């Protein structure tokens, strides 16, 4: 055996994916902290600008959103905390959902799907087999035309 390995035989090192779950958990916790810190500002903004929104309550009479929030705070002794936590929870869901959408948009195709492409259709699916054979025939004819064109150019 020869200790020399040609440069062609060397394998490319893939990036380690062992820490991806840990990074995801850390990111989710950071989103929770950010949502908790932003929630009071969002509540204030909603109270100030939410008066334009009319919401119907039990008696079918419209009430302003700020009035409903004040009623909620007065009815419960920890109403402010409940609103804060609920707003932070909704913000956290939006942040995590948005990051999941971005990650799924930038991730490529699954490499395992490429192997399925080379396997071909299931043997019991006669229509798919015929379709694959027609496609292969067209590709073969295309390659033959390309070779003939190359031979003509060389002459």
Foldseek 3Di string as FASTA:
>chain_A
DDPDDDPVPDDDDDDDPPCVVVVLVVVLVVLLVVLLVCLVVVVVVCLVPQQVDWDADDVRDTDTPNVVLVVQCVVDVPSVVVSSVVSSVVSSVVVSVVVVVVVVVPDDDDPVVVVVVVVFDDPVPVVRVVVVVVVVVVVVVVVVVVVVVVVVVVD
